[in-house]
PDB file of N, CA and C in Angstrom:
ATOM      1  N   MET A   1     -68.083 -43.632  25.645  1.00  0.00           N
ATOM      2  CA  MET A   1     -66.626 -44.085  26.208  1.00  0.00           C
ATOM      3  C   MET A   1     -66.191 -42.921  27.219  1.00  0.00           C
ATOM      4  N   THR A   2     -65.551 -43.654  28.191  1.00  0.00           N
ATOM      5  CA  THR A   2     -64.890 -42.494  29.432  1.00  0.00           C
ATOM      6  C   THR A   2     -63.550 -42.188  28.841  1.00  0.00           C
ATOM      7  N   PHE A   3     -62.706 -41.511  29.551  1.00  0.00           N
ATOM      8  CA  PHE A   3     -61.682 -40.973  29.333  1.00  0.00           C
ATOM      9  C   PHE A   3     -60.432 -41.987  29.498  1.00  0.00           C
ATOM     10  N   GLU A   4     -60.800 -42.897  30.582  1.00  0.00           N
ATOM     11  CA  GLU A   4     -60.226 -44.050  31.132  1.00  0.00           C
ATOM     12  C   GLU A   4     -59.938 -45.101  29.941  1.00  0.00           C
ATOM     13  N   GLU A   5     -61.120 -45.371  28.993  1.00  0.00           N
ATOM     14  CA  GLU A   5     -60.984 -46.317  28.275  1.00  0.00           C
ATOM     15  C   GLU A   5     -60.322 -45.846  26.747  1.00  0.00           C
ATOM     16  N   LEU A   6     -60.504 -44.565  26.714  1.00  0.00           N
ATOM     17  CA  LEU A   6     -59.744 -44.076  25.417  1.00  0.00           C
ATOM     18  C   LEU A   6     -58.322 -44.090  25.703  1.00  0.00           C
ATOM     19  N   LEU A   7     -57.801 -43.573  27.013  1.00  0.00           N
ATOM     20  CA  LEU A   7     -56.616 -43.838  27.269  1.00  0.00           C
ATOM     21  C   LEU A   7     -56.068 -45.123  27.128  1.00  0.00           C
ATOM     22  N   SER A   8     -56.817 -46.100  27.425  1.00  0.00           N
ATOM     23  CA  SER A   8     -56.532 -47.539  27.142  1.00  0.00           C
ATOM     24  C   SER A   8     -56.354 -47.909  25.558  1.00  0.00           C
ATOM     25  N   LYS A   9     -57.265 -47.519  24.980  1.00  0.00           N
ATOM     26  CA  LYS A   9     -57.712 -47.523  23.528  1.00  0.00           C
ATOM     27  C   LYS A   9     -56.234 -47.017  22.747  1.00  0.00           C
ATOM     28  N   VAL A  10     -55.739 -45.985  23.429  1.00  0.00           N
ATOM     29  CA  VAL A  10     -54.368 -44.996  22.409  1.00  0.00           C
ATOM     30  C   VAL A  10     -53.113 -45.846  23.047  1.00  0.00           C
ATOM     31  N   ARG A  11     -53.231 -46.355  24.248  1.00  0.00           N
ATOM     32  CA  ARG A  11     -52.124 -47.047  24.490  1.00  0.00           C
ATOM     33  C   ARG A  11     -51.991 -48.757  23.939  1.00  0.00           C
ATOM     34  N   LYS A  12     -53.074 -49.067  23.651  1.00  0.00           N
ATOM     35  CA  LYS A  12     -52.941 -50.362  22.890  1.00  0.00           C
ATOM     36  C   LYS A  12     -52.494 -50.133  21.651  1.00  0.00           C
ATOM     37  N   MET A  13     -53.020 -49.279  20.994  1.00  0.00           N
ATOM     38  CA  MET A  13     -52.951 -49.006  19.552  1.00  0.00           C
ATOM     39  C   MET A  13     -51.141 -48.324  19.228  1.00  0.00           C
ATOM     40  N   ALA A  14     -50.905 -47.550  20.381  1.00  0.00           N
ATOM     41  CA  ALA A  14     -49.415 -47.175  20.420  1.00  0.00           C
ATOM     42  C   ALA A  14     -48.328 -48.580  20.762  1.00  0.00           C
ATOM     43  N   SER A  15     -48.820 -49.498  21.015  1.00  0.00           N
ATOM     44  CA  SER A  15     -47.932 -50.618  21.402  1.00  0.00           C
ATOM     45  C   SER A  15     -47.655 -51.039  20.010  1.00  0.00           C
ATOM     46  N   ASN A  16     -47.871 -51.082  18.762  1.00  0.00           N
ATOM     47  CA  ASN A  16     -47.740 -51.501  17.581  1.00  0.00           C
ATOM     48  C   ASN A  16     -47.412 -50.541  16.727  1.00  0.00           C
ATOM     49  N   VAL A  17     -46.641 -49.211  17.244  1.00  0.00           N
ATOM     50  CA  VAL A  17     -46.167 -47.966  16.513  1.00  0.00           C
ATOM     51  C   VAL A  17     -44.760 -47.922  16.502  1.00  0.00           C
ATOM     52  N   ASP A  18     -44.148 -47.852  15.204  1.00  0.00           N
ATOM     53  CA  ASP A  18     -42.785 -47.950  15.083  1.00  0.00           C
ATOM     54  C   ASP A  18     -42.325 -46.349  14.923  1.00  0.00           C
ATOM     55  N   VAL A  19     -41.431 -45.884  16.244  1.00  0.00           N
ATOM     56  CA  VAL A  19     -40.956 -44.597  16.549  1.00  0.00           C
ATOM     57  C   VAL A  19     -39.605 -44.306  15.951  1.00  0.00           C
ATOM     58  N   SER A  20     -38.905 -45.337  15.310  1.00  0.00           N
ATOM     59  CA  SER A  20     -37.669 -45.058  15.188  1.00  0.00           C
ATOM     60  C   SER A  20     -36.874 -44.042  14.457  1.00  0.00           C
ATOM     61  N   GLY A  21     -38.030 -43.475  13.658  1.00  0.00           N
ATOM     62  CA  GLY A  21     -37.616 -42.412  12.829  1.00  0.00           C
ATOM     63  C   GLY A  21     -37.883 -40.992  13.638  1.00  0.00           C
ATOM     64  N   VAL A  22     -38.631 -41.293  14.634  1.00  0.00           N
ATOM     65  CA  VAL A  22     -39.026 -39.884  15.290  1.00  0.00           C
ATOM     66  C   VAL A  22     -37.881 -39.325  16.271  1.00  0.00           C
ATOM     67  N   ASP A  23     -37.247 -37.952  16.212  1.00  0.00           N
ATOM     68  CA  ASP A  23     -36.312 -38.034  17.026  1.00  0.00           C
ATOM     69  C   ASP A  23     -36.837 -37.388  18.461  1.00  0.00           C
ATOM     70  N   PHE A  24     -37.544 -36.560  18.699  1.00  0.00           N
ATOM     71  CA  PHE A  24     -38.221 -36.127  19.947  1.00  0.00           C
ATOM     72  C   PHE A  24     -39.612 -35.538  19.525  1.00  0.00           C
ATOM     73  N   LEU A  25     -40.627 -35.847  20.124  1.00  0.00           N
ATOM     74  CA  LEU A  25     -41.869 -35.366  20.123  1.00  0.00           C
ATOM     75  C   LEU A  25     -42.665 -35.333  21.589  1.00  0.00           C
ATOM     76  N   ALA A  26     -43.157 -34.294  21.663  1.00  0.00           N
ATOM     77  CA  ALA A  26     -44.001 -34.002  22.895  1.00  0.00           C
ATOM     78  C   ALA A  26     -45.241 -33.582  22.732  1.00  0.00           C
ATOM     79  N   VAL A  27     -46.395 -34.030  22.806  1.00  0.00           N
ATOM     80  CA  VAL A  27     -48.031 -33.687  22.374  1.00  0.00           C
ATOM     81  C   VAL A  27     -48.767 -33.806  23.504  1.00  0.00           C
ATOM     82  N   GLN A  28     -49.296 -32.773  23.724  1.00  0.00           N
ATOM     83  CA  GLN A  28     -50.276 -32.675  24.877  1.00  0.00           C
ATOM     84  C   GLN A  28     -51.606 -32.855  24.220  1.00  0.00           C
ATOM     85  N   VAL A  29     -52.902 -33.795  24.603  1.00  0.00           N
ATOM     86  CA  VAL A  29     -53.992 -34.010  24.122  1.00  0.00           C
ATOM     87  C   VAL A  29     -55.036 -33.807  25.095  1.00  0.00           C
ATOM     88  N   ASN A  30     -56.211 -32.619  24.584  1.00  0.00           N
ATOM     89  CA  ASN A  30     -56.963 -32.380  25.569  1.00  0.00           C
ATOM     90  C   ASN A  30     -57.856 -32.758  25.125  1.00  0.00           C
ATOM     91  N   ILE A  31     -58.769 -33.780  25.788  1.00  0.00           N
ATOM     92  CA  ILE A  31     -60.117 -34.081  25.196  1.00  0.00           C
ATOM     93  C   ILE A  31     -61.173 -33.538  25.745  1.00  0.00           C
ATOM     94  N   THR A  32     -62.069 -32.592  25.028  1.00  0.00           N
ATOM     95  CA  THR A  32     -63.326 -31.821  25.602  1.00  0.00           C
ATOM     96  C   THR A  32     -64.619 -32.578  25.866  1.00  0.00           C
ATOM     97  N   GLY A  33     -65.569 -32.011  26.765  1.00  0.00           N
ATOM     98  CA  GLY A  33     -66.722 -32.517  26.911  1.00  0.00           C
ATOM     99  C   GLY A  33     -66.764 -33.358  28.158  1.00  0.00           C
ATOM    100  N   SER A  34     -67.739 -34.064  28.432  1.00  0.00           N
ATOM    101  CA  SER A  34     -68.331 -34.308  29.711  1.00  0.00           C
ATOM    102  C   SER A  34     -67.244 -35.575  30.438  1.00  0.00           C
ATOM    103  N   ASN A  35     -66.899 -36.319  29.302  1.00  0.00           N
ATOM    104  CA  ASN A  35     -66.018 -37.275  29.432  1.00  0.00           C
ATOM    105  C   ASN A  35     -64.670 -36.848  29.426  1.00  0.00           C
ATOM    106  N   GLY A  36     -64.180 -35.886  29.173  1.00  0.00           N
ATOM    107  CA  GLY A  36     -62.858 -35.372  28.838  1.00  0.00           C
ATOM    108  C   GLY A  36     -61.742 -35.474  29.883  1.00  0.00           C
ATOM    109  N   GLY A  37     -60.614 -35.094  29.294  1.00  0.00           N
ATOM    110  CA  GLY A  37     -59.441 -35.238  30.210  1.00  0.00           C
ATOM    111  C   GLY A  37     -58.163 -34.897  29.480  1.00  0.00           C
ATOM    112  N   VAL A  38     -57.072 -35.009  29.912  1.00  0.00           N
ATOM    113  CA  VAL A  38     -55.776 -34.329  29.379  1.00  0.00           C
ATOM    114  C   VAL A  38     -54.675 -35.743  29.509  1.00  0.00           C
ATOM    115  N   PHE A  39     -54.209 -35.632  28.597  1.00  0.00           N
ATOM    116  CA  PHE A  39     -52.972 -36.871  28.434  1.00  0.00           C
ATOM    117  C   PHE A  39     -51.847 -36.397  27.658  1.00  0.00           C
ATOM    118  N   TYR A  40     -51.084 -37.023  27.619  1.00  0.00           N
ATOM    119  CA  TYR A  40     -50.001 -36.567  26.657  1.00  0.00           C
ATOM    120  C   TYR A  40     -49.235 -38.128  26.199  1.00  0.00           C
ATOM    121  N   VAL A  41     -48.733 -37.696  24.636  1.00  0.00           N
ATOM    122  CA  VAL A  41     -47.677 -38.511  23.918  1.00  0.00           C
ATOM    123  C   VAL A  41     -46.178 -38.106  23.568  1.00  0.00           C
ATOM    124  N   GLU A  42     -45.306 -38.834  24.463  1.00  0.00           N
ATOM    125  CA  GLU A  42     -44.249 -38.537  24.124  1.00  0.00           C
ATOM    126  C   GLU A  42     -43.172 -39.414  23.596  1.00  0.00           C
ATOM    127  N   VAL A  43     -42.349 -39.144  22.372  1.00  0.00           N
ATOM    128  CA  VAL A  43     -41.478 -40.062  21.646  1.00  0.00           C
ATOM    129  C   VAL A  43     -39.997 -39.503  22.122  1.00  0.00           C
ATOM    130  N   LYS A  44     -39.231 -40.214  23.069  1.00  0.00           N
ATOM    131  CA  LYS A  44     -37.968 -39.670  23.348  1.00  0.00           C
ATOM    132  C   LYS A  44     -36.878 -41.126  23.255  1.00  0.00           C
ATOM    133  N   ASN A  45     -35.899 -40.648  22.684  1.00  0.00           N
ATOM    134  CA  ASN A  45     -34.915 -41.937  22.690  1.00  0.00           C
ATOM    135  C   ASN A  45     -35.423 -43.393  22.139  1.00  0.00           C
ATOM    136  N   GLY A  46     -36.350 -42.955  21.201  1.00  0.00           N
ATOM    137  CA  GLY A  46     -37.182 -44.342  20.695  1.00  0.00           C
ATOM    138  C   GLY A  46     -38.172 -44.931  21.285  1.00  0.00           C
ATOM    139  N   VAL A  47     -38.473 -44.255  22.353  1.00  0.00           N
ATOM    140  CA  VAL A  47     -39.450 -44.810  23.542  1.00  0.00           C
ATOM    141  C   VAL A  47     -40.690 -43.745  23.355  1.00  0.00           C
ATOM    142  N   LEU A  48     -42.109 -44.712  23.010  1.00  0.00           N
ATOM    143  CA  LEU A  48     -43.257 -43.851  23.090  1.00  0.00           C
ATOM    144  C   LEU A  48     -43.739 -44.105  24.311  1.00  0.00           C
ATOM    145  N   SER A  49     -44.345 -42.924  25.016  1.00  0.00           N
ATOM    146  CA  SER A  49     -45.060 -42.891  26.437  1.00  0.00           C
ATOM    147  C   SER A  49     -46.031 -42.115  26.381  1.00  0.00           C
ATOM    148  N   ILE A  50     -47.206 -42.702  26.780  1.00  0.00           N
ATOM    149  CA  ILE A  50     -48.457 -42.101  27.083  1.00  0.00           C
ATOM    150  C   ILE A  50     -48.961 -42.337  28.326  1.00  0.00           C
ATOM    151  N   GLU A  51     -49.017 -41.047  28.960  1.00  0.00           N
ATOM    152  CA  GLU A  51     -49.461 -40.846  30.495  1.00  0.00           C
ATOM    153  C   GLU A  51     -50.615 -39.631  30.483  1.00  0.00           C
ATOM    154  N   PRO A  52     -51.486 -39.815  31.477  1.00  0.00           N
ATOM    155  CA  PRO A  52     -52.643 -38.939  31.689  1.00  0.00           C
ATOM    156  C   PRO A  52     -52.283 -37.644  32.468  1.00  0.00           C
ATOM    157  N   TYR A  53     -51.334 -37.033  32.159  1.00  0.00           N
ATOM    158  CA  TYR A  53     -50.776 -35.811  32.797  1.00  0.00           C
ATOM    159  C   TYR A  53     -50.628 -34.907  31.904  1.00  0.00           C
ATOM    160  N   GLU A  54     -50.628 -33.538  32.406  1.00  0.00           N
ATOM    161  CA  GLU A  54     -50.261 -32.532  31.402  1.00  0.00           C
ATOM    162  C   GLU A  54     -48.616 -32.572  31.226  1.00  0.00           C
ATOM    163  N   TYR A  55     -48.426 -31.900  30.026  1.00  0.00           N
ATOM    164  CA  TYR A  55     -46.796 -32.146  29.695  1.00  0.00           C
ATOM    165  C   TYR A  55     -46.529 -30.663  29.467  1.00  0.00           C
ATOM    166  N   HIS A  56     -45.822 -29.890  30.315  1.00  0.00           N
ATOM    167  CA  HIS A  56     -45.285 -28.375  30.190  1.00  0.00           C
ATOM    168  C   HIS A  56     -44.544 -28.212  29.065  1.00  0.00           C
ATOM    169  N   ASP A  57     -43.534 -29.083  28.971  1.00  0.00           N
ATOM    170  CA  ASP A  57     -42.390 -28.491  28.030  1.00  0.00           C
ATOM    171  C   ASP A  57     -42.995 -29.231  26.623  1.00  0.00           C
ATOM    172  N   ARG A  58     -44.182 -29.110  26.205  1.00  0.00           N
ATOM    173  CA  ARG A  58     -44.565 -29.740  25.063  1.00  0.00           C
ATOM    174  C   ARG A  58     -44.130 -29.063  23.614  1.00  0.00           C
ATOM    175  N   ASN A  59     -44.059 -29.729  22.738  1.00  0.00           N
ATOM    176  CA  ASN A  59     -44.149 -28.954  21.504  1.00  0.00           C
ATOM    177  C   ASN A  59     -45.140 -28.611  20.724  1.00  0.00           C
ATOM    178  N   CYS A  60     -46.446 -28.831  21.019  1.00  0.00           N
ATOM    179  CA  CYS A  60     -47.725 -28.557  20.504  1.00  0.00           C
ATOM    180  C   CYS A  60     -48.910 -29.244  21.603  1.00  0.00           C
ATOM    181  N   GLU A  61     -50.060 -28.492  21.614  1.00  0.00           N
ATOM    182  CA  GLU A  61     -51.022 -29.106  22.389  1.00  0.00           C
ATOM    183  C   GLU A  61     -52.143 -29.288  21.147  1.00  0.00           C
ATOM    184  N   ILE A  62     -53.055 -30.217  21.322  1.00  0.00           N
ATOM    185  CA  ILE A  62     -54.254 -30.393  20.272  1.00  0.00           C
ATOM    186  C   ILE A  62     -55.437 -30.806  21.469  1.00  0.00           C
ATOM    187  N   THR A  63     -56.608 -29.958  20.703  1.00  0.00           N
ATOM    188  CA  THR A  63     -57.925 -30.040  21.419  1.00  0.00           C
ATOM    189  C   THR A  63     -59.028 -30.671  20.790  1.00  0.00           C
ATOM    190  N   MET A  64     -59.611 -31.637  21.194  1.00  0.00           N
ATOM    191  CA  MET A  64     -60.820 -32.193  20.134  1.00  0.00           C
ATOM    192  C   MET A  64     -61.807 -32.622  21.216  1.00  0.00           C
ATOM    193  N   SER A  65     -62.868 -32.909  20.645  1.00  0.00           N
ATOM    194  CA  SER A  65     -63.998 -33.704  21.532  1.00  0.00           C
ATOM    195  C   SER A  65     -63.523 -35.155  21.377  1.00  0.00           C
ATOM    196  N   MET A  66     -64.235 -35.801  22.320  1.00  0.00           N
ATOM    197  CA  MET A  66     -63.966 -37.411  22.570  1.00  0.00           C
ATOM    198  C   MET A  66     -64.189 -37.943  21.216  1.00  0.00           C
ATOM    199  N   ASP A  67     -65.614 -37.474  20.814  1.00  0.00           N
ATOM    200  CA  ASP A  67     -66.012 -38.268  19.437  1.00  0.00           C
ATOM    201  C   ASP A  67     -65.077 -38.050  18.272  1.00  0.00           C
ATOM    202  N   ASN A  68     -64.448 -36.780  17.907  1.00  0.00           N
ATOM    203  CA  ASN A  68     -63.862 -36.247  16.892  1.00  0.00           C
ATOM    204  C   ASN A  68     -62.373 -37.256  17.046  1.00  0.00           C
ATOM    205  N   PHE A  69     -62.114 -37.280  18.361  1.00  0.00           N
ATOM    206  CA  PHE A  69     -60.436 -37.630  18.464  1.00  0.00           C
ATOM    207  C   PHE A  69     -60.812 -39.461  17.953  1.00  0.00           C
ATOM    208  N   ASN A  70     -61.988 -39.947  18.553  1.00  0.00           N
ATOM    209  CA  ASN A  70     -62.025 -41.451  18.280  1.00  0.00           C
ATOM    210  C   ASN A  70     -61.890 -41.923  16.734  1.00  0.00           C
ATOM    211  N   LYS A  71     -62.411 -40.538  15.887  1.00  0.00           N
ATOM    212  CA  LYS A  71     -62.952 -40.965  14.615  1.00  0.00           C
ATOM    213  C   LYS A  71     -61.426 -40.566  14.077  1.00  0.00           C
ATOM    214  N   LEU A  72     -60.716 -39.689  14.585  1.00  0.00           N
ATOM    215  CA  LEU A  72     -59.079 -39.386  14.145  1.00  0.00           C
ATOM    216  C   LEU A  72     -58.268 -40.742  14.101  1.00  0.00           C
ATOM    217  N   ILE A  73     -58.385 -41.313  15.517  1.00  0.00           N
ATOM    218  CA  ILE A  73     -57.651 -42.631  15.536  1.00  0.00           C
ATOM    219  C   ILE A  73     -58.088 -43.911  15.006  1.00  0.00           C
ATOM    220  N   ASP A  74     -59.293 -43.751  14.566  1.00  0.00           N
ATOM    221  CA  ASP A  74     -59.982 -44.953  13.880  1.00  0.00           C
ATOM    222  C   ASP A  74     -59.934 -44.636  12.244  1.00  0.00           C
ATOM    223  N   GLY A  75     -59.390 -43.691  11.909  1.00  0.00           N
ATOM    224  CA  GLY A  75     -59.120 -43.535  10.579  1.00  0.00           C
ATOM    225  C   GLY A  75     -60.003 -42.899   9.968  1.00  0.00           C
ATOM    226  N   GLN A  76     -61.337 -42.586  10.697  1.00  0.00           N
ATOM    227  CA  GLN A  76     -62.502 -42.103   9.846  1.00  0.00           C
ATOM    228  C   GLN A  76     -62.478 -40.457   9.778  1.00  0.00           C
ATOM    229  N   LEU A  77     -61.535 -39.795  10.256  1.00  0.00           N
ATOM    230  CA  LEU A  77     -61.404 -38.388  10.393  1.00  0.00           C
ATOM    231  C   LEU A  77     -59.876 -38.247  10.019  1.00  0.00           C
ATOM    232  N   ASP A  78     -59.494 -37.318   8.907  1.00  0.00           N
ATOM    233  CA  ASP A  78     -58.408 -36.910   8.368  1.00  0.00           C
ATOM    234  C   ASP A  78     -57.865 -35.714   9.392  1.00  0.00           C
ATOM    235  N   ALA A  79     -56.628 -35.449   9.584  1.00  0.00           N
ATOM    236  CA  ALA A  79     -56.170 -34.490  10.792  1.00  0.00           C
ATOM    237  C   ALA A  79     -56.009 -33.299  10.122  1.00  0.00           C
ATOM    238  N   VAL A  80     -56.033 -33.015   8.724  1.00  0.00           N
ATOM    239  CA  VAL A  80     -55.730 -31.895   8.277  1.00  0.00           C
ATOM    240  C   VAL A  80     -57.352 -31.260   8.101  1.00  0.00           C
ATOM    241  N   SER A  81     -58.060 -32.272   7.397  1.00  0.00           N
ATOM    242  CA  SER A  81     -59.402 -31.779   7.487  1.00  0.00           C
ATOM    243  C   SER A  81     -60.231 -31.165   8.565  1.00  0.00           C
ATOM    244  N   ALA A  82     -59.960 -32.321   9.794  1.00  0.00           N
ATOM    245  CA  ALA A  82     -60.188 -31.805  11.224  1.00  0.00           C
ATOM    246  C   ALA A  82     -60.158 -30.481  11.403  1.00  0.00           C
ATOM    247  N   PHE A  83     -58.664 -30.204  11.333  1.00  0.00           N
ATOM    248  CA  PHE A  83     -58.114 -28.820  11.660  1.00  0.00           C
ATOM    249  C   PHE A  83     -58.805 -27.830  10.778  1.00  0.00           C
ATOM    250  N   THR A  84     -58.952 -27.671   9.543  1.00  0.00           N
ATOM    251  CA  THR A  84     -59.750 -26.834   8.561  1.00  0.00           C
ATOM    252  C   THR A  84     -61.027 -26.857   8.955  1.00  0.00           C
ATOM    253  N   LEU A  85     -61.812 -27.822   9.368  1.00  0.00           N
ATOM    254  CA  LEU A  85     -63.099 -27.450   9.891  1.00  0.00           C
ATOM    255  C   LEU A  85     -63.108 -27.234  11.205  1.00  0.00           C
ATOM    256  N   GLY A  86     -62.253 -26.945  12.238  1.00  0.00           N
ATOM    257  CA  GLY A  86     -62.579 -26.492  13.242  1.00  0.00           C
ATOM    258  C   GLY A  86     -62.366 -27.441  14.233  1.00  0.00           C
ATOM    259  N   LYS A  87     -62.568 -28.843  13.758  1.00  0.00           N
ATOM    260  CA  LYS A  87     -62.651 -29.936  15.129  1.00  0.00           C
ATOM    261  C   LYS A  87     -61.546 -30.238  15.664  1.00  0.00           C
ATOM    262  N   LEU A  88     -60.391 -29.645  15.237  1.00  0.00           N
ATOM    263  CA  LEU A  88     -59.319 -30.056  15.973  1.00  0.00           C
ATOM    264  C   LEU A  88     -58.559 -28.745  16.045  1.00  0.00           C
ATOM    265  N   LYS A  89     -58.168 -28.308  17.278  1.00  0.00           N
ATOM    266  CA  LYS A  89     -57.375 -26.844  17.671  1.00  0.00           C
ATOM    267  C   LYS A  89     -55.630 -27.581  17.847  1.00  0.00           C
ATOM    268  N   VAL A  90     -54.904 -26.574  17.452  1.00  0.00           N
ATOM    269  CA  VAL A  90     -53.446 -26.823  17.646  1.00  0.00           C
ATOM    270  C   VAL A  90     -52.960 -25.446  18.069  1.00  0.00           C
ATOM    271  N   ASN A  91     -52.313 -25.718  19.414  1.00  0.00           N
ATOM    272  CA  ASN A  91     -51.652 -24.466  20.218  1.00  0.00           C
ATOM    273  C   ASN A  91     -50.067 -25.070  20.237  1.00  0.00           C
ATOM    274  N   GLY A  92     -49.084 -24.332  19.245  1.00  0.00           N
ATOM    275  CA  GLY A  92     -47.901 -24.563  19.262  1.00  0.00           C
ATOM    276  C   GLY A  92     -47.518 -24.947  17.640  1.00  0.00           C
ATOM    277  N   ASP A  93     -46.222 -25.935  17.701  1.00  0.00           N
ATOM    278  CA  ASP A  93     -45.864 -26.284  16.581  1.00  0.00           C
ATOM    279  C   ASP A  93     -46.611 -27.164  15.516  1.00  0.00           C
ATOM    280  N   ILE A  94     -47.279 -26.474  14.521  1.00  0.00           N
ATOM    281  CA  ILE A  94     -48.054 -27.479  13.832  1.00  0.00           C
ATOM    282  C   ILE A  94     -47.493 -28.536  13.280  1.00  0.00           C
ATOM    283  N   GLY A  95     -46.240 -28.297  12.736  1.00  0.00           N
ATOM    284  CA  GLY A  95     -45.229 -29.266  12.348  1.00  0.00           C
ATOM    285  C   GLY A  95     -45.275 -30.757  13.346  1.00  0.00           C
ATOM    286  N   LYS A  96     -45.042 -30.551  14.490  1.00  0.00           N
ATOM    287  CA  LYS A  96     -45.186 -31.458  15.487  1.00  0.00           C
ATOM    288  C   LYS A  96     -46.726 -32.147  15.264  1.00  0.00           C
ATOM    289  N   ALA A  97     -47.581 -31.345  15.363  1.00  0.00           N
ATOM    290  CA  ALA A  97     -48.790 -31.726  15.410  1.00  0.00           C
ATOM    291  C   ALA A  97     -48.955 -32.485  13.836  1.00  0.00           C
ATOM    292  N   LEU A  98     -48.708 -32.384  12.791  1.00  0.00           N
ATOM    293  CA  LEU A  98     -48.659 -33.072  11.676  1.00  0.00           C
ATOM    294  C   LEU A  98     -47.636 -34.578  12.037  1.00  0.00           C
ATOM    295  N   GLU A  99     -46.700 -34.467  12.492  1.00  0.00           N
ATOM    296  CA  GLU A  99     -45.932 -35.626  12.970  1.00  0.00           C
ATOM    297  C   GLU A  99     -46.787 -36.510  13.923  1.00  0.00           C
ATOM    298  N   PHE A 100     -47.354 -36.134  14.949  1.00  0.00           N
ATOM    299  CA  PHE A 100     -47.995 -36.876  15.615  1.00  0.00           C
ATOM    300  C   PHE A 100     -49.373 -37.471  14.644  1.00  0.00           C
ATOM    301  N   ALA A 101     -49.779 -36.843  13.989  1.00  0.00           N
ATOM    302  CA  ALA A 101     -51.052 -37.415  13.097  1.00  0.00           C
ATOM    303  C   ALA A 101     -50.584 -38.478  12.520  1.00  0.00           C
ATOM    304  N   LYS A 102     -49.200 -38.496  11.977  1.00  0.00           N
ATOM    305  CA  LYS A 102     -48.951 -39.506  11.133  1.00  0.00           C
ATOM    306  C   LYS A 102     -48.512 -40.733  12.143  1.00  0.00           C
ATOM    307  N   ILE A 103     -47.874 -40.579  13.406  1.00  0.00           N
ATOM    308  CA  ILE A 103     -48.076 -41.758  14.402  1.00  0.00           C
ATOM    309  C   ILE A 103     -49.282 -42.338  14.587  1.00  0.00           C
ATOM    310  N   LEU A 104     -50.413 -41.495  14.595  1.00  0.00           N
ATOM    311  CA  LEU A 104     -51.666 -42.251  14.672  1.00  0.00           C
ATOM    312  C   LEU A 104     -52.169 -43.063  13.907  1.00  0.00           C
ATOM    313  N   LYS A 105     -51.590 -42.923  12.241  1.00  0.00           N
ATOM    314  CA  LYS A 105     -51.884 -43.829  11.251  1.00  0.00           C
ATOM    315  C   LYS A 105     -51.251 -45.015  11.399  1.00  0.00           C
TER     316      LYS A 105
END
């Protein structure tokens, strides 16, 4: 899967997400590997945005391989387990990373 295909998949999944209970969330996602890239997920004023850019005023930053991120969004990998096993790295507010994981479900 290419980075563009992953971004398209995440955007399609996000179109069905209810973010009405989320105040503000800004997470940068770093996908590692040969097909890697960077995008951010932002919830602001009840609107969910996903863009292929770095987000400098983010709450947190997560880093994963393409394969593990796909497993995470497909429900085949639990975020807490991935973090514990070192498959998911978090830099910043871990609480916001957990909130992000709930949005993915």
